[in-house]
Amino acid sequence: METPLKMKVYNSLTRGLEPLEPMEGGTIRFYTCGPTVYNYAHIGNFRAYTFEDILRRVMQFNGMKVKQVMNLTDVDDKTIRGANAAGVKLTDYTKTYKDAFFADLKVLNIQPAEVYPAATDHIPEMISLVEKLVEKGVAYKSDDGSVYFAVTKFPGYGKLAHIDFDNQRTGARCAADEYDKENVGDFALWKAWEPSDGPVGWDSPWGRGRPGWHIECSAMSMKYLGESFDLHTGGIDNLFPHHENEIAQAEAATGKQFVRTWMHCAHLRVNGEKMSKSLGNFFTLRDLLEKGWTGREIRYVLVNAHYRQGLNFAFSALEDARKALERVDRCVDALAARAKDGEPAPDFAQAALDAFTAAVNDDLNTPKAFAALFDLVRETNASGTCSKAVLDVFRRMDSVLGVIFFGKAAKTEVPAEVQTLLDARAAARAAKNWAESDRLRDAIAAAGWTVKDSKEGQSVTKR
């Protein structure tokens, strides 16, 4: 029998803590805004993806089944500009960043979603949804062949962001995929083709063009999760306009509540400042790996702060993560070496698990969850227990946290196929072929290994 879900989470729609329970059956259906594949994902993006991974794992921790859909935005303003500037097909341009994204997920030990729909594979569904909105009178065609959603014709517009329309500049059309909160106005559902789009475009009832960014998520989420589903997540920067527009499109088309619970994670800053290439504090995951940090050290920093609190990412935090994880490794490895069958479970193990469970079910309170983990480390070291039940508690906690090696910290023989990739990467770096070096690092990561570079050369560890 499945354990009933006991989680409470903060719902951005109602602005309060609420139980998270499936609307029907025993499965939570949830949608997460995935990457726009015009570049390598940066650590701010992965703050959101690791938050969603913790959320997914806590639901499973509570005995729930999960159906997660994460989209891949492979057509929008950014991807079109990038592909045309590079002089390559849109599909070829985005494939590089799709492959890199999936390799990065493995490095960070992020569980895969059940479905990864790409926008370019779902154009018919988007056209159908736009047609329905036009038929219902909440969308209209402009003179240039674009189609816009009329926000004043949807009475519920603004309920997620709690927008006060009296103090907003309204009435303008917002053609760009992304815009500021001050630009409340009719937004593009279908964008008419223009010369700057180059070869990118699809035929539609309104002429050649391509979908707006917002319609993509509404169409794909409803295709795979139904017209109404349990949960939608993303970064706080997506709350408005993107998520607000998703609600408007879906609910205007169906007349049903689109999503019951919305969850958003706060921004990530680097050394107290907004991440910016001009400030030299803009990092992709591979940038940090090149500096010698591991995926689990980066994951530790990303998940060790509460998701609704701003996260200040600093190299000192990575150093602290390395020391903390070494402490956990030593404890777990020593316990595994001496553990015996039949040894009774000490009281402190259940107490630590109870504290951990209460923490993660309280709106994913990961700081308190890590505190429970380190209480268990301290008591295990002090007691010298030989109980395998304590090792099981460590495994139970790590089913959520995803940062413990369980013996993998020891030196492991590198398989021949991985060594071949390492040798090829060393040759590429010697030839200063950085693109090939990056490609090979991704291949090594996909095989389950993390590469570190130092003055002595490259080394590899099993994740």
Protein backbone atom coordinates (compact mmCIF):
# COMPACT_ATOMS: atom_id res chain seq x y z
CA MET A 1 0.00 0.00 0.00
CA GLU A 2 1.35 3.42 -0.96
CA THR A 3 2.19 5.90 1.76
CA PRO A 4 -0.13 8.93 1.55
CA LEU A 5 1.62 12.12 0.57
CA LYS A 6 2.28 14.37 3.58
CA MET A 7 4.03 17.21 1.83
CA LYS A 8 3.16 20.85 2.16
CA VAL A 9 4.45 23.31 -0.41
CA TYR A 10 4.13 27.03 -1.10
CA ASN A 11 1.62 27.66 -3.90
CA SER A 12 2.51 30.85 -5.80
CA LEU A 13 -1.10 31.08 -7.00
CA THR A 14 -2.64 31.28 -3.53
CA ARG A 15 0.49 32.51 -1.75
CA GLY A 16 0.21 30.00 1.04
CA LEU A 17 1.36 26.57 2.19
CA GLU A 18 -0.88 23.77 0.96
CA PRO A 19 -0.83 19.96 0.93
CA LEU A 20 0.49 18.56 -2.32
CA GLU A 21 -1.75 15.70 -3.37
CA PRO A 22 -2.64 14.19 -6.75
CA MET A 23 -5.84 15.46 -8.35
CA GLU A 24 -6.67 11.95 -9.52
CA GLY A 25 -5.17 8.48 -9.16
CA GLY A 26 -1.88 8.04 -7.38
CA THR A 27 0.34 10.03 -9.73
CA ILE A 28 1.45 13.66 -9.51
CA ARG A 29 1.45 15.14 -12.99
CA PHE A 30 3.80 18.08 -13.25
CA TYR A 31 5.38 20.30 -15.84
CA THR A 32 8.73 22.02 -15.56
CA CYS A 33 9.97 24.78 -17.83
CA GLY A 34 13.09 23.36 -19.45
CA PRO A 35 15.99 25.03 -21.25
CA THR A 36 15.95 27.34 -24.23
CA VAL A 37 18.63 25.54 -26.21
CA TYR A 38 20.52 28.49 -27.69
CA ASN A 39 23.59 28.13 -25.44
CA TYR A 40 25.00 26.01 -22.63
CA ALA A 41 22.86 26.13 -19.49
CA HIS A 42 24.37 28.24 -16.69
CA ILE A 43 24.33 27.59 -12.96
CA GLY A 44 21.33 29.90 -12.50
CA ASN A 45 19.35 27.58 -14.77
CA PHE A 46 20.53 24.59 -12.79
CA ARG A 47 19.37 26.18 -9.56
CA ALA A 48 15.85 25.67 -10.95
CA TYR A 49 16.49 22.17 -12.31
CA THR A 50 18.02 20.90 -9.06
CA PHE A 51 15.12 22.39 -7.08
CA GLU A 52 12.71 20.51 -9.33
CA ASP A 53 14.78 17.35 -8.90
CA ILE A 54 14.55 17.62 -5.11
CA LEU A 55 10.79 18.18 -5.44
CA ARG A 56 10.45 15.10 -7.62
CA ARG A 57 12.53 13.00 -5.24
CA VAL A 58 10.54 14.12 -2.18
CA MET A 59 7.33 13.07 -3.88
CA GLN A 60 8.86 9.65 -4.52
CA PHE A 61 10.20 9.60 -0.94
CA ASN A 62 6.57 9.88 0.15
CA GLY A 63 5.52 6.92 -1.98
CA MET A 64 4.03 8.83 -4.87
CA LYS A 65 4.34 8.09 -8.56
CA VAL A 66 5.43 10.98 -10.75
CA LYS A 67 4.87 11.94 -14.37
CA GLN A 68 7.13 14.87 -15.18
CA VAL A 69 7.22 16.71 -18.48
CA MET A 70 10.11 19.11 -19.21
CA ASN A 71 10.01 21.01 -22.48
CA LEU A 72 12.92 21.89 -24.73
CA THR A 73 12.43 25.32 -26.29
CA ASP A 74 14.15 24.88 -29.64
CA VAL A 75 12.40 27.67 -31.52
CA ASP A 76 12.11 31.23 -30.20
CA ASP A 77 13.77 34.62 -30.71
CA LYS A 78 17.09 33.47 -29.24
CA THR A 79 17.44 30.15 -31.05
CA ILE A 80 16.52 31.69 -34.41
CA ARG A 81 19.04 34.51 -33.98
CA GLY A 82 21.75 32.05 -32.95
CA ALA A 83 21.15 29.62 -35.80
CA ASN A 84 21.03 32.35 -38.44
CA ALA A 85 24.15 34.04 -37.08
CA ALA A 86 25.98 30.70 -37.20
CA GLY A 87 24.69 29.99 -40.70
CA VAL A 88 23.34 26.53 -39.78
CA LYS A 89 19.96 24.85 -39.68
CA LEU A 90 17.92 25.47 -36.55
CA THR A 91 17.85 21.74 -35.74
CA ASP A 92 21.63 21.43 -36.06
CA TYR A 93 22.19 24.53 -33.95
CA THR A 94 19.94 23.41 -31.09
CA LYS A 95 21.10 19.77 -31.10
CA THR A 96 24.50 20.79 -29.71
CA TYR A 97 22.89 22.42 -26.69
CA LYS A 98 20.27 19.70 -26.21
CA ASP A 99 23.02 17.07 -26.02
CA ALA A 100 25.03 19.24 -23.62
CA PHE A 101 21.98 19.77 -21.42
CA PHE A 102 21.35 16.05 -21.00
CA ALA A 103 25.03 15.45 -20.25
CA ASP A 104 24.88 18.19 -17.59
CA LEU A 105 21.81 16.60 -15.98
CA LYS A 106 23.78 13.38 -15.49
CA VAL A 107 26.73 15.24 -13.98
CA LEU A 108 24.39 16.84 -11.42
CA ASN A 109 22.60 13.55 -10.70
CA ILE A 110 19.25 15.00 -11.77
CA GLN A 111 16.67 12.30 -12.42
CA PRO A 112 15.31 12.28 -15.97
CA ALA A 113 11.76 13.46 -16.62
CA GLU A 114 9.32 11.02 -18.19
CA VAL A 115 8.84 13.19 -21.30
CA TYR A 116 11.07 15.82 -22.97
CA PRO A 117 8.93 17.34 -25.73
CA ALA A 118 10.70 19.66 -28.17
CA ALA A 119 8.72 22.64 -29.42
CA THR A 120 9.52 22.01 -33.09
CA ASP A 121 7.92 18.54 -32.83
CA HIS A 122 4.60 20.00 -31.67
CA ILE A 123 3.76 22.80 -34.10
CA PRO A 124 0.40 21.22 -35.13
CA GLU A 125 -0.74 21.14 -31.48
CA MET A 126 0.20 24.81 -31.10
CA ILE A 127 -1.65 25.82 -34.27
CA SER A 128 -4.73 23.91 -33.08
CA LEU A 129 -4.67 25.71 -29.73
CA VAL A 130 -4.34 29.12 -31.40
CA GLU A 131 -7.25 28.28 -33.72
CA LYS A 132 -9.40 27.46 -30.70
CA LEU A 133 -8.54 30.79 -29.06
CA VAL A 134 -9.39 32.69 -32.25
CA GLU A 135 -12.72 30.84 -32.48
CA LYS A 136 -13.54 31.78 -28.88
CA GLY A 137 -12.90 35.45 -29.59
CA VAL A 138 -10.00 35.92 -27.18
CA ALA A 139 -7.37 36.10 -29.94
CA TYR A 140 -7.16 38.11 -33.15
CA LYS A 141 -5.07 38.40 -36.29
CA SER A 142 -3.05 41.57 -36.79
CA ASP A 143 -2.39 43.25 -40.13
CA ASP A 144 1.01 41.56 -40.53
CA GLY A 145 -0.40 38.04 -40.11
CA SER A 146 0.55 37.55 -36.47
CA VAL A 147 -2.04 36.37 -33.94
CA TYR A 148 -2.32 37.97 -30.49
CA PHE A 149 -4.09 37.06 -27.27
CA ALA A 150 -6.38 39.88 -26.06
CA VAL A 151 -5.67 40.01 -22.32
CA THR A 152 -8.69 42.22 -21.57
CA LYS A 153 -10.98 39.47 -22.87
CA PHE A 154 -9.75 36.99 -20.26
CA PRO A 155 -11.13 38.11 -16.86
CA GLY A 156 -8.65 36.06 -14.84
CA TYR A 157 -5.54 37.55 -16.38
CA GLY A 158 -3.01 38.56 -13.72
CA LYS A 159 -4.15 36.16 -10.98
CA LEU A 160 -0.81 34.35 -10.71
CA ALA A 161 1.34 37.49 -10.62
CA HIS A 162 -1.35 39.41 -8.66
CA ILE A 163 -1.12 42.28 -11.11
CA ASP A 164 -2.92 45.54 -10.41
CA PHE A 165 -4.01 46.58 -13.90
CA ASP A 166 -4.85 50.11 -12.78
CA ASN A 167 -1.14 50.76 -12.24
CA GLN A 168 0.12 49.01 -15.33
CA ARG A 169 0.70 50.25 -18.84
CA THR A 170 -1.72 48.16 -20.90
CA GLY A 171 -3.01 48.04 -24.44
CA ALA A 172 0.28 47.67 -26.29
CA ARG A 173 1.15 44.54 -28.21
CA CYS A 174 4.08 42.49 -26.93
CA ALA A 175 5.64 40.80 -29.94
CA ALA A 176 8.87 39.73 -28.23
CA ASP A 177 8.91 36.32 -26.55
CA GLU A 178 10.20 37.84 -23.29
CA TYR A 179 9.28 41.20 -21.82
CA ASP A 180 9.07 43.06 -18.52
CA LYS A 181 6.19 43.18 -16.06
CA GLU A 182 5.58 46.83 -16.96
CA ASN A 183 4.68 45.80 -20.50
CA VAL A 184 1.31 44.19 -19.77
CA GLY A 185 -0.41 43.86 -23.12
CA ASP A 186 -1.63 41.54 -25.82
CA PHE A 187 1.00 38.90 -26.47
CA ALA A 188 1.89 36.96 -29.60
CA LEU A 189 0.48 33.46 -30.05
CA TRP A 190 1.66 33.13 -33.64
CA LYS A 191 4.38 35.34 -35.12
CA ALA A 192 4.27 36.11 -38.84
CA TRP A 193 7.40 35.25 -40.79
CA GLU A 194 9.84 38.10 -41.39
CA PRO A 195 13.14 38.19 -43.27
CA SER A 196 15.21 38.00 -40.05
CA ASP A 197 13.70 34.55 -39.42
CA GLY A 198 15.55 33.20 -42.45
CA PRO A 199 14.54 29.61 -43.23
CA VAL A 200 12.65 29.11 -39.96
CA GLY A 201 8.89 28.96 -40.43
CA TRP A 202 5.78 26.80 -40.73
CA ASP A 203 2.58 27.17 -42.74
CA SER A 204 -0.55 28.03 -40.77
CA PRO A 205 -4.11 29.33 -41.35
CA TRP A 206 -2.70 32.86 -40.83
CA GLY A 207 0.25 32.48 -43.17
CA ARG A 208 3.82 31.35 -42.73
CA GLY A 209 5.33 31.96 -39.32
CA ARG A 210 6.16 30.29 -36.04
CA PRO A 211 4.66 29.99 -32.56
CA GLY A 212 5.21 32.45 -29.76
CA TRP A 213 7.15 31.15 -26.79
CA HIS A 214 4.21 31.10 -24.38
CA ILE A 215 1.88 28.96 -26.51
CA GLU A 216 4.52 26.24 -26.70
CA CYS A 217 4.29 25.28 -23.04
CA SER A 218 0.48 25.40 -22.89
CA ALA A 219 0.13 23.12 -25.91
CA MET A 220 2.77 20.60 -24.86
CA SER A 221 1.81 20.40 -21.19
CA MET A 222 -1.85 19.75 -22.00
CA LYS A 223 -0.94 17.14 -24.61
CA TYR A 224 1.00 15.02 -22.12
CA LEU A 225 -0.66 15.88 -18.80
CA GLY A 226 -4.25 16.76 -19.68
CA GLU A 227 -6.21 20.01 -19.67
CA SER A 228 -5.91 20.23 -15.87
CA PHE A 229 -2.96 18.90 -13.90
CA ASP A 230 -1.36 19.03 -10.48
CA LEU A 231 1.80 21.09 -10.54
CA HIS A 232 3.84 23.52 -12.63
CA THR A 233 7.30 24.75 -11.62
CA GLY A 234 10.02 27.10 -12.79
CA GLY A 235 12.22 30.01 -11.83
CA ILE A 236 10.62 33.10 -10.32
CA ASP A 237 11.60 35.02 -13.47
CA ASN A 238 9.12 32.87 -15.42
CA LEU A 239 6.15 33.70 -13.20
CA PHE A 240 5.35 36.76 -15.29
CA PRO A 241 4.80 36.95 -18.15
CA HIS A 242 5.41 33.36 -19.19
CA HIS A 243 3.41 31.40 -16.64
CA GLU A 244 0.69 34.05 -16.49
CA ASN A 245 0.28 33.74 -20.25
CA GLU A 246 0.24 29.95 -20.09
CA ILE A 247 -2.71 30.13 -17.71
CA ALA A 248 -4.58 32.61 -19.91
CA GLN A 249 -4.13 30.54 -23.07
CA ALA A 250 -5.07 27.22 -21.51
CA GLU A 251 -8.01 28.36 -19.41
CA ALA A 252 -9.48 30.55 -22.15
CA ALA A 253 -9.38 27.53 -24.47
CA THR A 254 -10.73 24.88 -22.09
CA GLY A 255 -12.75 26.72 -19.47
CA LYS A 256 -11.00 24.59 -16.82
CA GLN A 257 -8.41 25.35 -14.17
CA PHE A 258 -5.06 24.78 -15.89
CA VAL A 259 -2.81 23.98 -12.91
CA ARG A 260 -3.67 23.64 -9.23
CA THR A 261 -0.25 24.32 -7.68
CA TRP A 262 2.53 26.61 -8.93
CA MET A 263 6.00 26.55 -7.39
CA HIS A 264 8.87 28.94 -8.16
CA CYS A 265 12.48 29.07 -7.01
CA ALA A 266 14.32 32.30 -6.26
CA HIS A 267 17.22 33.82 -8.19
CA LEU A 268 20.84 32.78 -7.92
CA ARG A 269 23.55 35.40 -7.48
CA VAL A 270 27.29 34.91 -7.75
CA ASN A 271 29.44 36.48 -5.03
CA GLY A 272 26.49 38.68 -4.12
CA GLU A 273 26.00 40.07 -7.62
CA LYS A 274 23.73 39.28 -10.54
CA MET A 275 25.44 36.85 -12.89
CA SER A 276 26.89 38.73 -15.85
CA LYS A 277 29.58 38.04 -18.43
CA SER A 278 30.78 41.63 -18.09
CA LEU A 279 31.43 41.06 -14.37
CA GLY A 280 33.30 37.82 -15.05
CA ASN A 281 30.96 35.85 -12.77
CA PHE A 282 28.93 34.05 -15.44
CA PHE A 283 29.46 30.30 -15.19
CA THR A 284 28.12 27.31 -17.05
CA LEU A 285 28.36 23.92 -15.41
CA ARG A 286 31.28 22.99 -17.65
CA ASP A 287 33.10 26.17 -16.59
CA LEU A 288 33.03 24.94 -13.00
CA LEU A 289 34.04 21.41 -13.99
CA GLU A 290 37.03 22.88 -15.84
CA LYS A 291 38.04 24.57 -12.59
CA GLY A 292 38.19 21.16 -10.90
CA TRP A 293 34.86 21.04 -9.06
CA THR A 294 32.70 17.94 -9.27
CA GLY A 295 29.04 17.61 -10.15
CA ARG A 296 28.03 16.53 -6.67
CA GLU A 297 29.91 19.44 -5.05
CA ILE A 298 28.04 21.84 -7.32
CA ARG A 299 24.76 20.04 -6.65
CA TYR A 300 25.39 20.27 -2.89
CA VAL A 301 25.68 24.06 -3.08
CA LEU A 302 22.63 24.42 -5.34
CA VAL A 303 20.29 22.38 -3.11
CA ASN A 304 21.61 23.35 0.32
CA ALA A 305 19.63 26.61 0.40
CA HIS A 306 15.84 26.80 0.60
CA TYR A 307 14.47 27.06 -2.93
CA ARG A 308 12.39 30.18 -2.16
CA GLN A 309 15.38 32.03 -0.74
CA GLY A 310 17.95 33.73 -2.95
CA LEU A 311 21.12 31.68 -3.33
CA ASN A 312 24.54 33.33 -3.27
CA PHE A 313 26.90 31.07 -5.19
CA ALA A 314 30.57 31.45 -4.24
CA PHE A 315 33.73 29.38 -4.62
CA SER A 316 34.06 29.35 -0.82
CA ALA A 317 30.72 27.51 -0.76
CA LEU A 318 32.15 24.91 -3.13
CA GLU A 319 35.15 24.49 -0.83
CA ASP A 320 32.81 24.00 2.12
CA ALA A 321 30.81 21.49 0.09
CA ARG A 322 33.94 19.48 -0.68
CA LYS A 323 34.87 19.29 3.02
CA ALA A 324 31.32 18.42 4.06
CA LEU A 325 31.02 15.64 1.49
CA GLU A 326 34.40 14.20 2.46
CA ARG A 327 33.14 14.02 6.05
CA VAL A 328 30.02 12.16 4.92
CA ASP A 329 32.08 9.82 2.71
CA ARG A 330 34.41 8.89 5.57
CA CYS A 331 31.49 8.14 7.88
CA VAL A 332 29.51 6.11 5.34
CA ASP A 333 32.53 4.16 4.07
CA ALA A 334 33.65 3.30 7.61
CA LEU A 335 30.14 2.20 8.55
CA ALA A 336 29.82 0.07 5.42
CA ALA A 337 33.12 -1.66 6.23
CA ARG A 338 32.07 -2.66 9.77
CA ALA A 339 28.30 -3.10 9.39
CA LYS A 340 26.87 -6.46 10.44
CA ASP A 341 23.55 -8.20 9.98
CA GLY A 342 21.37 -8.49 13.03
CA GLU A 343 22.68 -5.39 14.80
CA PRO A 344 19.75 -3.43 16.27
CA ALA A 345 19.05 0.03 14.89
CA PRO A 346 20.03 2.73 17.40
CA ASP A 347 17.39 5.27 18.44
CA PHE A 348 19.36 8.16 16.97
CA ALA A 349 18.95 6.76 13.44
CA GLN A 350 15.15 6.89 13.58
CA ALA A 351 15.26 10.31 15.23
CA ALA A 352 17.45 11.64 12.41
CA LEU A 353 15.17 10.13 9.76
CA ASP A 354 12.09 11.61 11.43
CA ALA A 355 13.73 15.06 11.48
CA PHE A 356 14.77 14.67 7.85
CA THR A 357 11.25 13.63 6.79
CA ALA A 358 9.65 16.54 8.63
CA ALA A 359 12.08 18.93 6.96
CA VAL A 360 11.61 17.83 3.35
CA ASN A 361 7.84 17.67 3.75
CA ASP A 362 7.84 21.24 5.08
CA ASP A 363 8.08 23.00 1.70
CA LEU A 364 11.35 21.24 0.83
CA ASN A 365 13.34 22.63 3.75
CA THR A 366 16.70 21.32 2.58
CA PRO A 367 18.83 23.26 5.12
CA LYS A 368 17.06 21.39 7.94
CA ALA A 369 17.29 18.16 5.96
CA PHE A 370 21.07 18.53 5.69
CA ALA A 371 21.20 19.32 9.40
CA ALA A 372 19.48 15.98 10.06
CA LEU A 373 22.01 14.25 7.79
CA PHE A 374 24.96 15.70 9.70
CA ASP A 375 23.34 14.84 13.03
CA LEU A 376 23.30 11.27 11.78
CA VAL A 377 26.96 11.51 10.74
CA ARG A 378 27.96 12.83 14.16
CA GLU A 379 26.01 10.18 16.11
CA THR A 380 27.25 7.39 13.84
CA ASN A 381 30.87 8.40 14.35
CA ALA A 382 30.47 8.85 18.08
CA SER A 383 28.63 5.57 18.68
CA GLY A 384 30.72 3.30 16.49
CA THR A 385 27.51 1.48 15.58
CA CYS A 386 27.71 -1.59 13.34
CA SER A 387 24.04 -1.55 12.38
CA LYS A 388 23.20 -1.92 8.70
CA ALA A 389 19.93 -0.16 9.51
CA VAL A 390 21.90 3.09 9.92
CA LEU A 391 23.34 2.62 6.44
CA ASP A 392 19.77 2.20 5.19
CA VAL A 393 18.86 5.55 6.76
CA PHE A 394 21.75 7.21 4.92
CA ARG A 395 20.46 5.67 1.70
CA ARG A 396 16.93 6.84 2.44
CA MET A 397 18.12 10.40 2.98
CA ASP A 398 20.24 10.31 -0.14
CA SER A 399 17.26 9.19 -2.23
CA VAL A 400 16.26 12.85 -1.86
CA LEU A 401 19.60 14.67 -1.62
CA GLY A 402 21.53 12.70 -4.24
CA VAL A 403 25.03 13.61 -3.01
CA ILE A 404 26.45 10.54 -1.21
CA PHE A 405 28.89 8.23 -3.00
CA PHE A 406 28.42 5.04 -0.92
CA GLY A 407 31.87 3.62 -1.55
CA LYS A 408 32.36 5.21 -4.94
CA ALA A 409 34.83 7.64 -3.39
CA ALA A 410 37.47 4.91 -3.50
CA LYS A 411 39.63 4.67 -6.61
CA THR A 412 37.83 2.78 -9.35
CA GLU A 413 39.30 1.19 -12.44
CA VAL A 414 38.50 3.22 -15.54
CA PRO A 415 36.79 1.15 -18.28
CA ALA A 416 38.63 0.86 -21.59
CA GLU A 417 35.98 2.80 -23.51
CA VAL A 418 36.18 5.71 -21.05
CA GLN A 419 39.98 5.65 -21.16
CA THR A 420 39.80 5.89 -24.96
CA LEU A 421 37.67 9.03 -24.64
CA LEU A 422 40.11 10.44 -22.07
CA ASP A 423 43.08 9.85 -24.37
CA ALA A 424 41.25 11.51 -27.26
CA ARG A 425 40.37 14.47 -25.05
CA ALA A 426 44.00 14.87 -23.91
CA ALA A 427 45.03 14.96 -27.57
CA ALA A 428 42.34 17.52 -28.39
CA ARG A 429 43.47 19.76 -25.53
CA ALA A 430 47.09 19.48 -26.61
CA ALA A 431 46.00 20.62 -30.08
CA LYS A 432 43.91 23.42 -28.49
CA ASN A 433 40.79 21.98 -30.10
CA TRP A 434 38.50 23.17 -27.34
CA ALA A 435 35.25 22.32 -29.12
CA GLU A 436 36.35 18.68 -29.48
CA SER A 437 37.56 18.70 -25.88
CA ASP A 438 34.12 19.86 -24.71
CA ARG A 439 32.38 17.25 -26.85
CA LEU A 440 34.52 14.47 -25.38
CA ARG A 441 33.98 15.71 -21.84
CA ASP A 442 30.22 15.49 -22.46
CA ALA A 443 30.65 11.94 -23.77
CA ILE A 444 32.67 11.01 -20.67
CA ALA A 445 29.98 12.58 -18.45
CA ALA A 446 27.27 10.65 -20.29
CA ALA A 447 29.22 7.45 -19.46
CA GLY A 448 29.02 8.36 -15.76
CA TRP A 449 32.45 9.93 -15.13
CA THR A 450 33.60 13.43 -14.19
CA VAL A 451 36.82 14.91 -15.60
CA LYS A 452 38.99 17.33 -13.64
CA ASP A 453 41.83 19.33 -15.19
CA SER A 454 44.91 20.49 -13.30
CA LYS A 455 48.54 21.37 -13.94
CA GLU A 456 49.33 17.65 -13.80
CA GLY A 457 46.78 16.89 -16.52
CA GLN A 458 43.31 15.40 -16.43
CA SER A 459 41.90 12.96 -13.90
CA VAL A 460 38.57 11.20 -13.79
CA THR A 461 36.24 10.06 -11.01
CA LYS A 462 33.16 7.85 -11.11
CA ARG A 463 29.98 9.65 -10.12
